[in-house]
Amino acid sequence: MRLNCGYRLDLLVAATVVVEVKSVEVLAPIHAAQLLTYLRLGGWKIGLLINFNVPVLKQGIWRRVLDLAE
């Protein structure tokens, strides 16, 4: 899907899961908002926000399941 508004998601897995990748000290609310924007614009339900700048990767994964009625 091509959008002319500058939004560009990092990865879409199996046309179902949006993956937004970061490497920051701390995930900020703007990062979560970015993921939610992609989910809403694309009509997808599941998203992962992954921060690679953590000692254990498990600590850097944030999962969001969007209720499409939101």
PDB file of N, CA and C in Angstrom:
ATOM      1  N   MET A   1       0.850  -1.164   0.000  1.00  0.00           N
ATOM      2  CA  MET A   1       0.000   0.000   0.000  1.00  0.00           C
ATOM      3  C   MET A   1       0.901   1.233   0.000  1.00  0.00           C
ATOM      4  N   ARG A   2       0.706   2.104  -0.916  1.00  0.00           N
ATOM      5  CA  ARG A   2       1.522   3.307  -1.007  1.00  0.00           C
ATOM      6  C   ARG A   2       0.735   4.494  -0.460  1.00  0.00           C
ATOM      7  N   LEU A   3       1.335   5.183   0.501  1.00  0.00           N
ATOM      8  CA  LEU A   3       0.737   6.386   1.078  1.00  0.00           C
ATOM      9  C   LEU A   3       1.624   7.572   0.732  1.00  0.00           C
ATOM     10  N   ASN A   4       1.027   8.656   0.304  1.00  0.00           N
ATOM     11  CA  ASN A   4       1.803   9.835  -0.075  1.00  0.00           C
ATOM     12  C   ASN A   4       2.010  10.799   1.083  1.00  0.00           C
ATOM     13  N   CYS A   5       1.788  10.352   2.306  1.00  0.00           N
ATOM     14  CA  CYS A   5       1.865  11.247   3.455  1.00  0.00           C
ATOM     15  C   CYS A   5       3.124  11.024   4.290  1.00  0.00           C
ATOM     16  N   GLY A   6       4.064  10.226   3.819  1.00  0.00           N
ATOM     17  CA  GLY A   6       5.317  10.065   4.532  1.00  0.00           C
ATOM     18  C   GLY A   6       5.360   8.942   5.543  1.00  0.00           C
ATOM     19  N   TYR A   7       4.274   8.208   5.738  1.00  0.00           N
ATOM     20  CA  TYR A   7       4.289   7.085   6.661  1.00  0.00           C
ATOM     21  C   TYR A   7       4.912   5.882   5.974  1.00  0.00           C
ATOM     22  N   ARG A   8       5.816   5.200   6.678  1.00  0.00           N
ATOM     23  CA  ARG A   8       6.464   4.034   6.107  1.00  0.00           C
ATOM     24  C   ARG A   8       6.770   3.050   7.230  1.00  0.00           C
ATOM     25  N   LEU A   9       6.033   1.955   7.272  1.00  0.00           N
ATOM     26  CA  LEU A   9       6.280   0.982   8.333  1.00  0.00           C
ATOM     27  C   LEU A   9       7.533   0.174   8.019  1.00  0.00           C
ATOM     28  N   ASP A  10       8.143  -0.369   9.062  1.00  0.00           N
ATOM     29  CA  ASP A  10       9.404  -1.089   8.893  1.00  0.00           C
ATOM     30  C   ASP A  10       9.210  -2.462   8.270  1.00  0.00           C
ATOM     31  N   LEU A  11       8.224  -3.205   8.752  1.00  0.00           N
ATOM     32  CA  LEU A  11       8.062  -4.581   8.299  1.00  0.00           C
ATOM     33  C   LEU A  11       6.609  -5.013   8.459  1.00  0.00           C
ATOM     34  N   LEU A  12       6.111  -5.736   7.466  1.00  0.00           N
ATOM     35  CA  LEU A  12       4.783  -6.323   7.542  1.00  0.00           C
ATOM     36  C   LEU A  12       4.950  -7.821   7.320  1.00  0.00           C
ATOM     37  N   VAL A  13       4.592  -8.604   8.327  1.00  0.00           N
ATOM     38  CA  VAL A  13       4.787 -10.056   8.279  1.00  0.00           C
ATOM     39  C   VAL A  13       3.478 -10.730   7.895  1.00  0.00           C
ATOM     40  N   ALA A  14       3.518 -11.518   6.829  1.00  0.00           N
ATOM     41  CA  ALA A  14       2.374 -12.311   6.360  1.00  0.00           C
ATOM     42  C   ALA A  14       1.110 -11.463   6.186  1.00  0.00           C
ATOM     43  N   ALA A  15       1.283 -10.208   5.785  1.00  0.00           N
ATOM     44  CA  ALA A  15       0.163  -9.283   5.583  1.00  0.00           C
ATOM     45  C   ALA A  15      -0.736  -9.178   6.816  1.00  0.00           C
ATOM     46  N   THR A  16      -0.160  -9.440   7.992  1.00  0.00           N
ATOM     47  CA  THR A  16      -0.953  -9.479   9.217  1.00  0.00           C
ATOM     48  C   THR A  16      -0.341  -8.705  10.376  1.00  0.00           C
ATOM     49  N   VAL A  17       0.958  -8.843  10.590  1.00  0.00           N
ATOM     50  CA  VAL A  17       1.616  -8.269  11.764  1.00  0.00           C
ATOM     51  C   VAL A  17       2.535  -7.121  11.337  1.00  0.00           C
ATOM     52  N   VAL A  18       2.290  -5.942  11.895  1.00  0.00           N
ATOM     53  CA  VAL A  18       3.140  -4.780  11.653  1.00  0.00           C
ATOM     54  C   VAL A  18       4.265  -4.801  12.678  1.00  0.00           C
ATOM     55  N   VAL A  19       5.506  -4.690  12.209  1.00  0.00           N
ATOM     56  CA  VAL A  19       6.659  -4.665  13.101  1.00  0.00           C
ATOM     57  C   VAL A  19       7.361  -3.322  12.936  1.00  0.00           C
ATOM     58  N   GLU A  20       7.468  -2.595  14.021  1.00  0.00           N
ATOM     59  CA  GLU A  20       8.188  -1.321  14.031  1.00  0.00           C
ATOM     60  C   GLU A  20       9.446  -1.524  14.867  1.00  0.00           C
ATOM     61  N   VAL A  21      10.598  -1.245  14.275  1.00  0.00           N
ATOM     62  CA  VAL A  21      11.887  -1.525  14.894  1.00  0.00           C
ATOM     63  C   VAL A  21      12.530  -0.231  15.368  1.00  0.00           C
ATOM     64  N   LYS A  22      13.058  -0.256  16.582  1.00  0.00           N
ATOM     65  CA  LYS A  22      13.757   0.893  17.160  1.00  0.00           C
ATOM     66  C   LYS A  22      15.053   0.415  17.809  1.00  0.00           C
ATOM     67  N   SER A  23      15.955   1.357  18.025  1.00  0.00           N
ATOM     68  CA  SER A  23      17.150   1.118  18.812  1.00  0.00           C
ATOM     69  C   SER A  23      17.409   2.387  19.614  1.00  0.00           C
ATOM     70  N   VAL A  24      16.678   2.529  20.713  1.00  0.00           N
ATOM     71  CA  VAL A  24      16.707   3.741  21.534  1.00  0.00           C
ATOM     72  C   VAL A  24      16.909   3.366  23.000  1.00  0.00           C
ATOM     73  N   GLU A  25      17.351   4.341  23.796  1.00  0.00           N
ATOM     74  CA  GLU A  25      17.535   4.115  25.234  1.00  0.00           C
ATOM     75  C   GLU A  25      16.250   3.632  25.879  1.00  0.00           C
ATOM     76  N   VAL A  26      15.160   4.373  25.620  1.00  0.00           N
ATOM     77  CA  VAL A  26      13.860   4.073  26.213  1.00  0.00           C
ATOM     78  C   VAL A  26      12.785   4.313  25.156  1.00  0.00           C
ATOM     79  N   LEU A  27      11.846   3.395  25.058  1.00  0.00           N
ATOM     80  CA  LEU A  27      10.724   3.621  24.148  1.00  0.00           C
ATOM     81  C   LEU A  27       9.869   4.756  24.702  1.00  0.00           C
ATOM     82  N   ALA A  28       9.531   5.690  23.840  1.00  0.00           N
ATOM     83  CA  ALA A  28       8.726   6.843  24.225  1.00  0.00           C
ATOM     84  C   ALA A  28       7.287   6.644  23.756  1.00  0.00           C
ATOM     85  N   PRO A  29       6.362   7.386  24.326  1.00  0.00           N
ATOM     86  CA  PRO A  29       4.964   7.283  23.883  1.00  0.00           C
ATOM     87  C   PRO A  29       4.789   7.542  22.380  1.00  0.00           C
ATOM     88  N   ILE A  30       5.628   8.354  21.799  1.00  0.00           N
ATOM     89  CA  ILE A  30       5.525   8.637  20.362  1.00  0.00           C
ATOM     90  C   ILE A  30       5.794   7.381  19.530  1.00  0.00           C
ATOM     91  N   HIS A  31       6.632   6.488  20.029  1.00  0.00           N
ATOM     92  CA  HIS A  31       6.909   5.243  19.312  1.00  0.00           C
ATOM     93  C   HIS A  31       5.669   4.345  19.297  1.00  0.00           C
ATOM     94  N   ALA A  32       4.981   4.256  20.424  1.00  0.00           N
ATOM     95  CA  ALA A  32       3.745   3.476  20.496  1.00  0.00           C
ATOM     96  C   ALA A  32       2.671   4.114  19.615  1.00  0.00           C
ATOM     97  N   ALA A  33       2.608   5.434  19.618  1.00  0.00           N
ATOM     98  CA  ALA A  33       1.631   6.138  18.786  1.00  0.00           C
ATOM     99  C   ALA A  33       1.893   5.881  17.304  1.00  0.00           C
ATOM    100  N   GLN A  34       3.154   5.820  16.931  1.00  0.00           N
ATOM    101  CA  GLN A  34       3.516   5.539  15.545  1.00  0.00           C
ATOM    102  C   GLN A  34       3.005   4.158  15.135  1.00  0.00           C
ATOM    103  N   LEU A  35       3.219   3.151  15.978  1.00  0.00           N
ATOM    104  CA  LEU A  35       2.739   1.805  15.688  1.00  0.00           C
ATOM    105  C   LEU A  35       1.217   1.789  15.565  1.00  0.00           C
ATOM    106  N   LEU A  36       0.528   2.442  16.482  1.00  0.00           N
ATOM    107  CA  LEU A  36      -0.935   2.471  16.444  1.00  0.00           C
ATOM    108  C   LEU A  36      -1.448   3.172  15.191  1.00  0.00           C
ATOM    109  N   THR A  37      -0.751   4.201  14.753  1.00  0.00           N
ATOM    110  CA  THR A  37      -1.123   4.898  13.520  1.00  0.00           C
ATOM    111  C   THR A  37      -1.037   3.963  12.332  1.00  0.00           C
ATOM    112  N   TYR A  38       0.050   3.201  12.232  1.00  0.00           N
ATOM    113  CA  TYR A  38       0.195   2.246  11.138  1.00  0.00           C
ATOM    114  C   TYR A  38      -0.905   1.198  11.169  1.00  0.00           C
ATOM    115  N   LEU A  39      -1.227   0.692  12.358  1.00  0.00           N
ATOM    116  CA  LEU A  39      -2.276  -0.318  12.482  1.00  0.00           C
ATOM    117  C   LEU A  39      -3.617   0.239  12.006  1.00  0.00           C
ATOM    118  N   ARG A  40      -3.950   1.427  12.442  1.00  0.00           N
ATOM    119  CA  ARG A  40      -5.239   2.020  12.066  1.00  0.00           C
ATOM    120  C   ARG A  40      -5.303   2.351  10.577  1.00  0.00           C
ATOM    121  N   LEU A  41      -4.246   2.943  10.043  1.00  0.00           N
ATOM    122  CA  LEU A  41      -4.247   3.313   8.626  1.00  0.00           C
ATOM    123  C   LEU A  41      -4.323   2.095   7.711  1.00  0.00           C
ATOM    124  N   GLY A  42      -3.634   1.035   8.089  1.00  0.00           N
ATOM    125  CA  GLY A  42      -3.601  -0.158   7.247  1.00  0.00           C
ATOM    126  C   GLY A  42      -4.712  -1.144   7.512  1.00  0.00           C
ATOM    127  N   GLY A  43      -5.445  -0.959   8.608  1.00  0.00           N
ATOM    128  CA  GLY A  43      -6.508  -1.887   8.956  1.00  0.00           C
ATOM    129  C   GLY A  43      -5.998  -3.204   9.516  1.00  0.00           C
ATOM    130  N   TRP A  44      -4.756  -3.202  10.027  1.00  0.00           N
ATOM    131  CA  TRP A  44      -4.188  -4.404  10.620  1.00  0.00           C
ATOM    132  C   TRP A  44      -4.536  -4.456  12.094  1.00  0.00           C
ATOM    133  N   LYS A  45      -4.460  -5.633  12.672  1.00  0.00           N
ATOM    134  CA  LYS A  45      -4.885  -5.823  14.059  1.00  0.00           C
ATOM    135  C   LYS A  45      -3.721  -5.998  15.028  1.00  0.00           C
ATOM    136  N   ILE A  46      -2.621  -6.604  14.587  1.00  0.00           N
ATOM    137  CA  ILE A  46      -1.530  -6.962  15.495  1.00  0.00           C
ATOM    138  C   ILE A  46      -0.262  -6.198  15.133  1.00  0.00           C
ATOM    139  N   GLY A  47       0.381  -5.649  16.170  1.00  0.00           N
ATOM    140  CA  GLY A  47       1.625  -4.924  15.952  1.00  0.00           C
ATOM    141  C   GLY A  47       2.655  -5.242  17.019  1.00  0.00           C
ATOM    142  N   LEU A  48       3.919  -5.199  16.615  1.00  0.00           N
ATOM    143  CA  LEU A  48       5.035  -5.369  17.546  1.00  0.00           C
ATOM    144  C   LEU A  48       5.939  -4.160  17.442  1.00  0.00           C
ATOM    145  N   LEU A  49       6.276  -3.604  18.586  1.00  0.00           N
ATOM    146  CA  LEU A  49       7.263  -2.542  18.671  1.00  0.00           C
ATOM    147  C   LEU A  49       8.480  -3.166  19.331  1.00  0.00           C
ATOM    148  N   ILE A  50       9.590  -3.224  18.606  1.00  0.00           N
ATOM    149  CA  ILE A  50      10.776  -3.925  19.106  1.00  0.00           C
ATOM    150  C   ILE A  50      11.925  -2.937  19.250  1.00  0.00           C
ATOM    151  N   ASN A  51      12.456  -2.852  20.469  1.00  0.00           N
ATOM    152  CA  ASN A  51      13.617  -2.013  20.753  1.00  0.00           C
ATOM    153  C   ASN A  51      14.827  -2.924  20.920  1.00  0.00           C
ATOM    154  N   PHE A  52      15.814  -2.758  20.035  1.00  0.00           N
ATOM    155  CA  PHE A  52      16.998  -3.616  20.078  1.00  0.00           C
ATOM    156  C   PHE A  52      18.075  -3.103  21.050  1.00  0.00           C
ATOM    157  N   ASN A  53      17.877  -1.945  21.628  1.00  0.00           N
ATOM    158  CA  ASN A  53      18.872  -1.375  22.536  1.00  0.00           C
ATOM    159  C   ASN A  53      18.544  -1.755  23.992  1.00  0.00           C
ATOM    160  N   VAL A  54      18.462  -3.058  24.257  1.00  0.00           N
ATOM    161  CA  VAL A  54      18.192  -3.581  25.600  1.00  0.00           C
ATOM    162  C   VAL A  54      19.117  -4.761  25.852  1.00  0.00           C
ATOM    163  N   PRO A  55      19.429  -5.053  27.120  1.00  0.00           N
ATOM    164  CA  PRO A  55      20.320  -6.181  27.414  1.00  0.00           C
ATOM    165  C   PRO A  55      19.747  -7.532  26.979  1.00  0.00           C
ATOM    166  N   VAL A  56      18.437  -7.711  27.177  1.00  0.00           N
ATOM    167  CA  VAL A  56      17.759  -8.954  26.799  1.00  0.00           C
ATOM    168  C   VAL A  56      16.607  -8.564  25.873  1.00  0.00           C
ATOM    169  N   LEU A  57      16.611  -9.098  24.658  1.00  0.00           N
ATOM    170  CA  LEU A  57      15.628  -8.681  23.653  1.00  0.00           C
ATOM    171  C   LEU A  57      14.187  -8.820  24.139  1.00  0.00           C
ATOM    172  N   LYS A  58      13.927  -9.814  24.939  1.00  0.00           N
ATOM    173  CA  LYS A  58      12.580 -10.027  25.476  1.00  0.00           C
ATOM    174  C   LYS A  58      12.055  -8.776  26.188  1.00  0.00           C
ATOM    175  N   GLN A  59      12.959  -8.014  26.800  1.00  0.00           N
ATOM    176  CA  GLN A  59      12.573  -6.791  27.511  1.00  0.00           C
ATOM    177  C   GLN A  59      12.212  -5.658  26.554  1.00  0.00           C
ATOM    178  N   GLY A  60      12.587  -5.785  25.301  1.00  0.00           N
ATOM    179  CA  GLY A  60      12.363  -4.713  24.341  1.00  0.00           C
ATOM    180  C   GLY A  60      11.191  -4.926  23.406  1.00  0.00           C
ATOM    181  N   ILE A  61      10.375  -5.936  23.669  1.00  0.00           N
ATOM    182  CA  ILE A  61       9.263  -6.228  22.772  1.00  0.00           C
ATOM    183  C   ILE A  61       7.951  -5.789  23.406  1.00  0.00           C
ATOM    184  N   TRP A  62       7.206  -4.968  22.676  1.00  0.00           N
ATOM    185  CA  TRP A  62       5.904  -4.475  23.114  1.00  0.00           C
ATOM    186  C   TRP A  62       4.888  -4.906  22.060  1.00  0.00           C
ATOM    187  N   ARG A  63       3.866  -5.657  22.457  1.00  0.00           N
ATOM    188  CA  ARG A  63       2.867  -6.184  21.540  1.00  0.00           C
ATOM    189  C   ARG A  63       1.566  -5.440  21.736  1.00  0.00           C
ATOM    190  N   ARG A  64       0.911  -5.114  20.638  1.00  0.00           N
ATOM    191  CA  ARG A  64      -0.373  -4.423  20.705  1.00  0.00           C
ATOM    192  C   ARG A  64      -1.365  -5.116  19.773  1.00  0.00           C
ATOM    193  N   VAL A  65      -2.509  -5.480  20.305  1.00  0.00           N
ATOM    194  CA  VAL A  65      -3.596  -6.014  19.501  1.00  0.00           C
ATOM    195  C   VAL A  65      -4.666  -4.945  19.472  1.00  0.00           C
ATOM    196  N   LEU A  66      -4.947  -4.470  18.290  1.00  0.00           N
ATOM    197  CA  LEU A  66      -5.879  -3.353  18.119  1.00  0.00           C
ATOM    198  C   LEU A  66      -7.284  -3.876  17.885  1.00  0.00           C
ATOM    199  N   ASP A  67      -8.213  -3.364  18.667  1.00  0.00           N
ATOM    200  CA  ASP A  67      -9.617  -3.650  18.423  1.00  0.00           C
ATOM    201  C   ASP A  67     -10.022  -2.755  17.264  1.00  0.00           C
ATOM    202  N   LEU A  68     -10.360  -3.328  16.130  1.00  0.00           N
ATOM    203  CA  LEU A  68     -10.650  -2.532  14.940  1.00  0.00           C
ATOM    204  C   LEU A  68     -11.855  -1.629  15.108  1.00  0.00           C
ATOM    205  N   ALA A  69     -12.610  -1.783  16.195  1.00  0.00           N
ATOM    206  CA  ALA A  69     -13.736  -0.887  16.482  1.00  0.00           C
ATOM    207  C   ALA A  69     -13.247   0.408  17.127  1.00  0.00           C
ATOM    208  N   GLU A  70     -11.955   0.463  17.544  1.00  0.00           N
ATOM    209  CA  GLU A  70     -11.412   1.664  18.203  1.00  0.00           C
ATOM    210  C   GLU A  70     -11.385   2.820  17.245  1.00  0.00           C
TER     211      GLU A  70
END
